[in-house]
Amino acid sequence: TGTPVTIDLFVTENIPGSSFITDVSLIDNMVPGTYGLRVKTLGIARDVILDIVDTTAPVGEPVAQVLFQDDLPPASDVVTGVSDLAPVTIAYVNEMTVPMEGGIYDVPVSLSDPYGNQTIVNVPFDVTADTTAPSLQVPTCIYAFIGGSTSYLENVTVSDDFDPEPVVTVDLSQVDPETAGVYQITYTATDAHGNSVSKPSDLILEQMPETSLERSEVY
């Protein structure tokens, strides 16, 4: 591909008067293919075959990546200066999934054209993993009535360096909801990567008074 189609490709010696009978200007020498041509040499018309083949592999340069474990970029974004005589397909050689493991890696990326030519570019990846548990603040104690409704997540605050919405659960397994007393409950906050933190709180459970008001009524 890209080589000019000239008569000397078909004539082993410089024979004066050799020429094409076929109009080779109609052939796109950038596209692989096989063509039947006629040439004239020594006054004789001869049938010849022209094979245009692409044996040039694509080229490209790696773009070093510094990223968080959930931020896998498209393969086309991790190489630059990609060029070839034909369209180039850019893909990760190995299956890439998120979240990635933290660490420093050489990630192979394939540059291939439709004619089987391929180049492997190794791209440096510096991956930061999420290993920090969320920050969790819980009330020291919660007051509740037997048979009443209790909002356990009121006055609970949680944040995380990467996950905008960590999940907070409340363990009430030590509570007898029918018996007044002081019970320990446990709050646990877990982020998207499984990092978690737990904190205790006291639940003070009391008998419901004969006359009671909802908090909104008191306010």
C-alpha atoms as a PDB file:
ATOM      1  CA  THR A   1       0.000   0.000   0.000  1.00  0.00           C
ATOM      2  CA  GLY A   2       1.219   3.457  -0.909  1.00  0.00           C
ATOM      3  CA  THR A   3       3.801   2.199  -3.398  1.00  0.00           C
ATOM      4  CA  PRO A   4       3.432   3.809  -6.869  1.00  0.00           C
ATOM      5  CA  VAL A   5       2.279   1.357  -9.554  1.00  0.00           C
ATOM      6  CA  THR A   6       5.031   1.606 -12.169  1.00  0.00           C
ATOM      7  CA  ILE A   7       5.975  -0.564 -15.150  1.00  0.00           C
ATOM      8  CA  ASP A   8       9.340  -1.516 -13.615  1.00  0.00           C
ATOM      9  CA  LEU A   9       7.437  -3.648 -11.068  1.00  0.00           C
ATOM     10  CA  PHE A  10       6.648  -6.077 -13.908  1.00  0.00           C
ATOM     11  CA  VAL A  11       9.745  -5.858 -16.131  1.00  0.00           C
ATOM     12  CA  THR A  12      12.951  -7.378 -14.804  1.00  0.00           C
ATOM     13  CA  GLU A  13      15.126  -5.432 -17.224  1.00  0.00           C
ATOM     14  CA  ASN A  14      14.940  -1.886 -18.503  1.00  0.00           C
ATOM     15  CA  ILE A  15      13.326  -2.709 -21.830  1.00  0.00           C
ATOM     16  CA  PRO A  16      12.574   0.425 -23.862  1.00  0.00           C
ATOM     17  CA  GLY A  17       8.960   0.835 -24.929  1.00  0.00           C
ATOM     18  CA  SER A  18       7.480  -1.197 -22.064  1.00  0.00           C
ATOM     19  CA  SER A  19       4.169   0.267 -20.941  1.00  0.00           C
ATOM     20  CA  PHE A  20       0.809  -0.426 -19.354  1.00  0.00           C
ATOM     21  CA  ILE A  21      -2.139  -1.293 -21.555  1.00  0.00           C
ATOM     22  CA  THR A  22      -4.460  -1.148 -18.512  1.00  0.00           C
ATOM     23  CA  ASP A  23      -5.140   2.337 -17.115  1.00  0.00           C
ATOM     24  CA  VAL A  24      -3.463   1.985 -13.709  1.00  0.00           C
ATOM     25  CA  SER A  25      -4.467   5.533 -12.721  1.00  0.00           C
ATOM     26  CA  LEU A  26      -7.842   4.030 -11.808  1.00  0.00           C
ATOM     27  CA  ILE A  27      -6.248   1.839  -9.116  1.00  0.00           C
ATOM     28  CA  ASP A  28      -6.225   3.156  -5.545  1.00  0.00           C
ATOM     29  CA  ASN A  29      -2.827   2.006  -4.313  1.00  0.00           C
ATOM     30  CA  MET A  30      -3.796   2.840  -0.698  1.00  0.00           C
ATOM     31  CA  VAL A  31      -6.354   0.009  -0.602  1.00  0.00           C
ATOM     32  CA  PRO A  32      -5.240  -3.648  -0.569  1.00  0.00           C
ATOM     33  CA  GLY A  33      -6.590  -5.757  -3.419  1.00  0.00           C
ATOM     34  CA  THR A  34      -5.708  -7.967  -6.379  1.00  0.00           C
ATOM     35  CA  TYR A  35      -5.894  -6.663  -9.940  1.00  0.00           C
ATOM     36  CA  GLY A  36      -5.448  -8.272 -13.345  1.00  0.00           C
ATOM     37  CA  LEU A  37      -3.441  -5.970 -15.631  1.00  0.00           C
ATOM     38  CA  ARG A  38      -2.103  -6.016 -19.173  1.00  0.00           C
ATOM     39  CA  VAL A  39       1.321  -4.688 -20.040  1.00  0.00           C
ATOM     40  CA  LYS A  40       3.201  -4.438 -23.310  1.00  0.00           C
ATOM     41  CA  THR A  41       6.860  -5.273 -23.546  1.00  0.00           C
ATOM     42  CA  LEU A  42       8.929  -6.174 -26.616  1.00  0.00           C
ATOM     43  CA  GLY A  43       5.791  -5.447 -28.591  1.00  0.00           C
ATOM     44  CA  ILE A  44       3.860  -8.282 -26.906  1.00  0.00           C
ATOM     45  CA  ALA A  45       0.803  -7.856 -24.659  1.00  0.00           C
ATOM     46  CA  ARG A  46       1.124  -9.832 -21.470  1.00  0.00           C
ATOM     47  CA  ASP A  47      -1.269 -10.562 -18.592  1.00  0.00           C
ATOM     48  CA  VAL A  48       0.120  -9.804 -15.128  1.00  0.00           C
ATOM     49  CA  ILE A  49      -1.276  -9.699 -11.590  1.00  0.00           C
ATOM     50  CA  LEU A  50      -0.874  -6.811  -9.162  1.00  0.00           C
ATOM     51  CA  ASP A  51      -1.284  -7.613  -5.450  1.00  0.00           C
ATOM     52  CA  ILE A  52      -1.535  -4.565  -3.204  1.00  0.00           C
ATOM     53  CA  VAL A  53      -0.966  -5.629   0.391  1.00  0.00           C
ATOM     54  CA  ASP A  54      -0.718  -3.785   3.700  1.00  0.00           C
ATOM     55  CA  THR A  55       2.161  -5.106   5.809  1.00  0.00           C
ATOM     56  CA  THR A  56       2.725  -1.955   7.865  1.00  0.00           C
ATOM     57  CA  ALA A  57       1.639  -2.118  11.496  1.00  0.00           C
ATOM     58  CA  PRO A  58       0.060   0.933  13.156  1.00  0.00           C
ATOM     59  CA  VAL A  59       2.185   3.140  15.381  1.00  0.00           C
ATOM     60  CA  GLY A  60       1.316   5.045  18.544  1.00  0.00           C
ATOM     61  CA  GLU A  61       2.745   6.320  21.803  1.00  0.00           C
ATOM     62  CA  PRO A  62       1.540   5.497  25.355  1.00  0.00           C
ATOM     63  CA  VAL A  63      -0.018   8.146  27.578  1.00  0.00           C
ATOM     64  CA  ALA A  64       0.849   7.413  31.229  1.00  0.00           C
ATOM     65  CA  GLN A  65      -2.248   7.220  33.441  1.00  0.00           C
ATOM     66  CA  VAL A  66      -2.611   8.298  37.080  1.00  0.00           C
ATOM     67  CA  LEU A  67      -6.129   7.401  38.139  1.00  0.00           C
ATOM     68  CA  PHE A  68      -8.507   6.124  40.784  1.00  0.00           C
ATOM     69  CA  GLN A  69      -9.549   2.475  40.688  1.00  0.00           C
ATOM     70  CA  ASP A  70     -13.040   3.226  39.327  1.00  0.00           C
ATOM     71  CA  ASP A  71     -11.871   5.522  36.525  1.00  0.00           C
ATOM     72  CA  LEU A  72     -10.989   3.138  33.676  1.00  0.00           C
ATOM     73  CA  PRO A  73     -10.486   5.311  30.565  1.00  0.00           C
ATOM     74  CA  PRO A  74     -11.388   4.167  27.033  1.00  0.00           C
ATOM     75  CA  ALA A  75      -8.468   2.440  25.324  1.00  0.00           C
ATOM     76  CA  SER A  76      -8.420   5.197  22.705  1.00  0.00           C
ATOM     77  CA  ASP A  77      -7.550   7.737  25.432  1.00  0.00           C
ATOM     78  CA  VAL A  78      -4.390   6.005  26.645  1.00  0.00           C
ATOM     79  CA  VAL A  79      -2.415   6.191  23.386  1.00  0.00           C
ATOM     80  CA  THR A  80      -1.559   9.157  21.207  1.00  0.00           C
ATOM     81  CA  GLY A  81      -0.056   9.806  17.802  1.00  0.00           C
ATOM     82  CA  VAL A  82      -1.818   6.770  16.299  1.00  0.00           C
ATOM     83  CA  SER A  83      -1.265   6.482  12.557  1.00  0.00           C
ATOM     84  CA  ASP A  84      -1.578   3.868   9.842  1.00  0.00           C
ATOM     85  CA  LEU A  85      -2.477   3.595   6.172  1.00  0.00           C
ATOM     86  CA  ALA A  86      -5.824   2.054   7.210  1.00  0.00           C
ATOM     87  CA  PRO A  87      -8.326   2.683  10.021  1.00  0.00           C
ATOM     88  CA  VAL A  88      -6.949   1.558  13.403  1.00  0.00           C
ATOM     89  CA  THR A  89      -8.845  -0.341  16.104  1.00  0.00           C
ATOM     90  CA  ILE A  90      -7.601   0.441  19.613  1.00  0.00           C
ATOM     91  CA  ALA A  91      -8.428  -2.015  22.403  1.00  0.00           C
ATOM     92  CA  TYR A  92      -7.112  -3.337  25.695  1.00  0.00           C
ATOM     93  CA  VAL A  93      -5.378  -6.680  25.188  1.00  0.00           C
ATOM     94  CA  ASN A  94      -6.696  -8.046  28.495  1.00  0.00           C
ATOM     95  CA  GLU A  95     -10.203  -7.670  29.857  1.00  0.00           C
ATOM     96  CA  MET A  96     -10.259  -4.577  32.040  1.00  0.00           C
ATOM     97  CA  THR A  97     -12.866  -4.299  34.788  1.00  0.00           C
ATOM     98  CA  VAL A  98     -13.553  -1.807  37.557  1.00  0.00           C
ATOM     99  CA  PRO A  99     -12.780  -1.385  40.304  1.00  0.00           C
ATOM    100  CA  MET A 100      -9.145  -2.075  39.440  1.00  0.00           C
ATOM    101  CA  GLU A 101      -6.559  -3.237  41.937  1.00  0.00           C
ATOM    102  CA  GLY A 102      -4.337  -0.502  43.290  1.00  0.00           C
ATOM    103  CA  GLY A 103      -0.707  -0.459  42.155  1.00  0.00           C
ATOM    104  CA  ILE A 104       1.561   0.333  39.211  1.00  0.00           C
ATOM    105  CA  TYR A 105       1.121  -1.684  36.013  1.00  0.00           C
ATOM    106  CA  ASP A 106       2.094  -1.821  32.348  1.00  0.00           C
ATOM    107  CA  VAL A 107      -1.243  -2.286  30.582  1.00  0.00           C
ATOM    108  CA  PRO A 108      -0.950  -3.674  27.012  1.00  0.00           C
ATOM    109  CA  VAL A 109      -3.067  -1.915  24.392  1.00  0.00           C
ATOM    110  CA  SER A 110      -3.521  -3.293  20.872  1.00  0.00           C
ATOM    111  CA  LEU A 111      -3.374  -1.135  17.734  1.00  0.00           C
ATOM    112  CA  SER A 112      -4.628  -3.203  14.800  1.00  0.00           C
ATOM    113  CA  ASP A 113      -5.720  -2.555  11.239  1.00  0.00           C
ATOM    114  CA  PRO A 114      -8.177  -4.563   9.100  1.00  0.00           C
ATOM    115  CA  TYR A 115      -5.336  -6.448   7.388  1.00  0.00           C
ATOM    116  CA  GLY A 116      -3.956  -8.258  10.398  1.00  0.00           C
ATOM    117  CA  ASN A 117      -1.135  -5.873  11.278  1.00  0.00           C
ATOM    118  CA  GLN A 118      -0.854  -5.216  14.997  1.00  0.00           C
ATOM    119  CA  THR A 119       1.269  -3.231  17.431  1.00  0.00           C
ATOM    120  CA  ILE A 120       1.178  -3.659  21.219  1.00  0.00           C
ATOM    121  CA  VAL A 121       1.763  -0.503  23.246  1.00  0.00           C
ATOM    122  CA  ASN A 122       2.426  -0.865  26.995  1.00  0.00           C
ATOM    123  CA  VAL A 123       0.792   1.978  28.913  1.00  0.00           C
ATOM    124  CA  PRO A 124       1.918   2.771  32.499  1.00  0.00           C
ATOM    125  CA  PHE A 125      -1.037   2.775  34.924  1.00  0.00           C
ATOM    126  CA  ASP A 126      -0.659   4.185  38.456  1.00  0.00           C
ATOM    127  CA  VAL A 127      -3.894   3.102  40.142  1.00  0.00           C
ATOM    128  CA  THR A 128      -4.995   4.409  43.533  1.00  0.00           C
ATOM    129  CA  ALA A 129      -7.240   2.039  45.461  1.00  0.00           C
ATOM    130  CA  ASP A 130      -9.838   3.102  48.025  1.00  0.00           C
ATOM    131  CA  THR A 131      -8.681   1.668  51.359  1.00  0.00           C
ATOM    132  CA  THR A 132     -10.083   4.333  53.675  1.00  0.00           C
ATOM    133  CA  ALA A 133     -13.266   3.674  55.638  1.00  0.00           C
ATOM    134  CA  PRO A 134     -15.993   6.327  55.771  1.00  0.00           C
ATOM    135  CA  SER A 135     -16.119   8.919  58.543  1.00  0.00           C
ATOM    136  CA  LEU A 136     -19.093   8.201  60.811  1.00  0.00           C
ATOM    137  CA  GLN A 137     -20.613  10.305  63.583  1.00  0.00           C
ATOM    138  CA  VAL A 138     -23.495   8.887  65.676  1.00  0.00           C
ATOM    139  CA  PRO A 139     -25.470  10.170  68.685  1.00  0.00           C
ATOM    140  CA  THR A 140     -24.245   9.056  72.098  1.00  0.00           C
ATOM    141  CA  CYS A 141     -27.712   7.843  73.044  1.00  0.00           C
ATOM    142  CA  ILE A 142     -31.201   7.614  71.578  1.00  0.00           C
ATOM    143  CA  TYR A 143     -34.442   7.790  73.524  1.00  0.00           C
ATOM    144  CA  ALA A 144     -37.386   5.709  72.348  1.00  0.00           C
ATOM    145  CA  PHE A 145     -40.748   4.428  73.599  1.00  0.00           C
ATOM    146  CA  ILE A 146     -41.914   0.829  73.426  1.00  0.00           C
ATOM    147  CA  GLY A 147     -44.316   0.641  70.512  1.00  0.00           C
ATOM    148  CA  GLY A 148     -43.326   4.083  69.230  1.00  0.00           C
ATOM    149  CA  SER A 149     -41.544   5.027  66.051  1.00  0.00           C
ATOM    150  CA  THR A 150     -37.837   5.823  66.168  1.00  0.00           C
ATOM    151  CA  SER A 151     -35.674   7.500  63.536  1.00  0.00           C
ATOM    152  CA  TYR A 152     -32.314   5.837  64.086  1.00  0.00           C
ATOM    153  CA  LEU A 153     -30.554   7.804  61.349  1.00  0.00           C
ATOM    154  CA  GLU A 154     -31.469  11.190  62.761  1.00  0.00           C
ATOM    155  CA  ASN A 155     -28.314  13.098  63.799  1.00  0.00           C
ATOM    156  CA  VAL A 156     -26.136  10.527  62.026  1.00  0.00           C
ATOM    157  CA  THR A 157     -23.561  11.988  59.619  1.00  0.00           C
ATOM    158  CA  VAL A 158     -21.374  10.025  57.215  1.00  0.00           C
ATOM    159  CA  SER A 159     -18.858  10.984  54.551  1.00  0.00           C
ATOM    160  CA  ASP A 160     -16.247   9.248  52.429  1.00  0.00           C
ATOM    161  CA  ASP A 161     -13.245  10.378  50.404  1.00  0.00           C
ATOM    162  CA  PHE A 162     -14.489   8.669  47.225  1.00  0.00           C
ATOM    163  CA  ASP A 163     -18.028   7.324  47.678  1.00  0.00           C
ATOM    164  CA  PRO A 164     -20.604  10.157  47.831  1.00  0.00           C
ATOM    165  CA  GLU A 165     -23.273   7.907  49.401  1.00  0.00           C
ATOM    166  CA  PRO A 166     -21.908   5.333  51.875  1.00  0.00           C
ATOM    167  CA  VAL A 167     -24.551   2.937  53.198  1.00  0.00           C
ATOM    168  CA  VAL A 168     -25.386   3.149  56.915  1.00  0.00           C
ATOM    169  CA  THR A 169     -26.973   0.187  58.707  1.00  0.00           C
ATOM    170  CA  VAL A 170     -28.099  -0.181  62.322  1.00  0.00           C
ATOM    171  CA  ASP A 171     -27.686  -3.449  64.236  1.00  0.00           C
ATOM    172  CA  LEU A 172     -30.615  -3.841  66.679  1.00  0.00           C
ATOM    173  CA  SER A 173     -30.002  -7.525  67.403  1.00  0.00           C
ATOM    174  CA  GLN A 174     -29.352  -6.832  71.119  1.00  0.00           C
ATOM    175  CA  VAL A 175     -32.620  -4.933  71.606  1.00  0.00           C
ATOM    176  CA  ASP A 176     -35.780  -6.429  73.145  1.00  0.00           C
ATOM    177  CA  PRO A 177     -38.402  -4.083  71.703  1.00  0.00           C
ATOM    178  CA  GLU A 178     -40.972  -5.098  74.347  1.00  0.00           C
ATOM    179  CA  THR A 179     -38.830  -4.502  77.438  1.00  0.00           C
ATOM    180  CA  ALA A 180     -37.695  -1.163  78.819  1.00  0.00           C
ATOM    181  CA  GLY A 181     -33.977  -0.813  79.394  1.00  0.00           C
ATOM    182  CA  VAL A 182     -30.695   0.469  78.029  1.00  0.00           C
ATOM    183  CA  TYR A 183     -29.389  -1.400  75.016  1.00  0.00           C
ATOM    184  CA  GLN A 184     -26.314  -1.024  72.869  1.00  0.00           C
ATOM    185  CA  ILE A 185     -26.916  -0.652  69.148  1.00  0.00           C
ATOM    186  CA  THR A 186     -24.235  -0.533  66.462  1.00  0.00           C
ATOM    187  CA  TYR A 187     -24.037   1.745  63.443  1.00  0.00           C
ATOM    188  CA  THR A 188     -21.975   0.602  60.453  1.00  0.00           C
ATOM    189  CA  ALA A 189     -21.065   2.726  57.442  1.00  0.00           C
ATOM    190  CA  THR A 190     -19.794   0.935  54.320  1.00  0.00           C
ATOM    191  CA  ASP A 191     -18.508   2.524  51.113  1.00  0.00           C
ATOM    192  CA  ALA A 192     -18.733   1.191  47.552  1.00  0.00           C
ATOM    193  CA  HIS A 193     -15.423  -0.674  47.887  1.00  0.00           C
ATOM    194  CA  GLY A 194     -16.300  -2.514  51.071  1.00  0.00           C
ATOM    195  CA  ASN A 195     -14.415  -0.313  53.537  1.00  0.00           C
ATOM    196  CA  SER A 196     -16.467   0.000  56.716  1.00  0.00           C
ATOM    197  CA  VAL A 197     -16.468   1.524  60.173  1.00  0.00           C
ATOM    198  CA  SER A 198     -18.719   0.726  63.148  1.00  0.00           C
ATOM    199  CA  LYS A 199     -19.656   2.821  66.192  1.00  0.00           C
ATOM    200  CA  PRO A 200     -21.875   2.003  69.180  1.00  0.00           C
ATOM    201  CA  SER A 201     -24.697   4.026  70.658  1.00  0.00           C
ATOM    202  CA  ASP A 202     -27.041   3.530  73.631  1.00  0.00           C
ATOM    203  CA  LEU A 203     -30.740   3.033  73.042  1.00  0.00           C
ATOM    204  CA  ILE A 204     -32.789   4.021  76.100  1.00  0.00           C
ATOM    205  CA  LEU A 205     -36.113   2.264  75.697  1.00  0.00           C
ATOM    206  CA  GLU A 206     -38.966   3.397  77.979  1.00  0.00           C
ATOM    207  CA  GLN A 207     -42.629   2.608  78.494  1.00  0.00           C
ATOM    208  CA  MET A 208     -44.988   4.756  76.454  1.00  0.00           C
ATOM    209  CA  PRO A 209     -46.683   7.330  78.812  1.00  0.00           C
ATOM    210  CA  GLU A 210     -50.463   7.419  78.888  1.00  0.00           C
ATOM    211  CA  THR A 211     -50.393  10.880  77.380  1.00  0.00           C
ATOM    212  CA  SER A 212     -47.730  11.636  74.845  1.00  0.00           C
ATOM    213  CA  LEU A 213     -47.071  14.103  72.065  1.00  0.00           C
ATOM    214  CA  GLU A 214     -45.219  13.640  68.800  1.00  0.00           C
ATOM    215  CA  ARG A 215     -42.097  15.721  68.598  1.00  0.00           C
ATOM    216  CA  SER A 216     -43.605  17.878  65.858  1.00  0.00           C
ATOM    217  CA  GLU A 217     -46.487  18.725  68.174  1.00  0.00           C
ATOM    218  CA  VAL A 218     -44.088  19.779  70.928  1.00  0.00           C
ATOM    219  CA  TYR A 219     -42.199  22.041  68.538  1.00  0.00           C
END
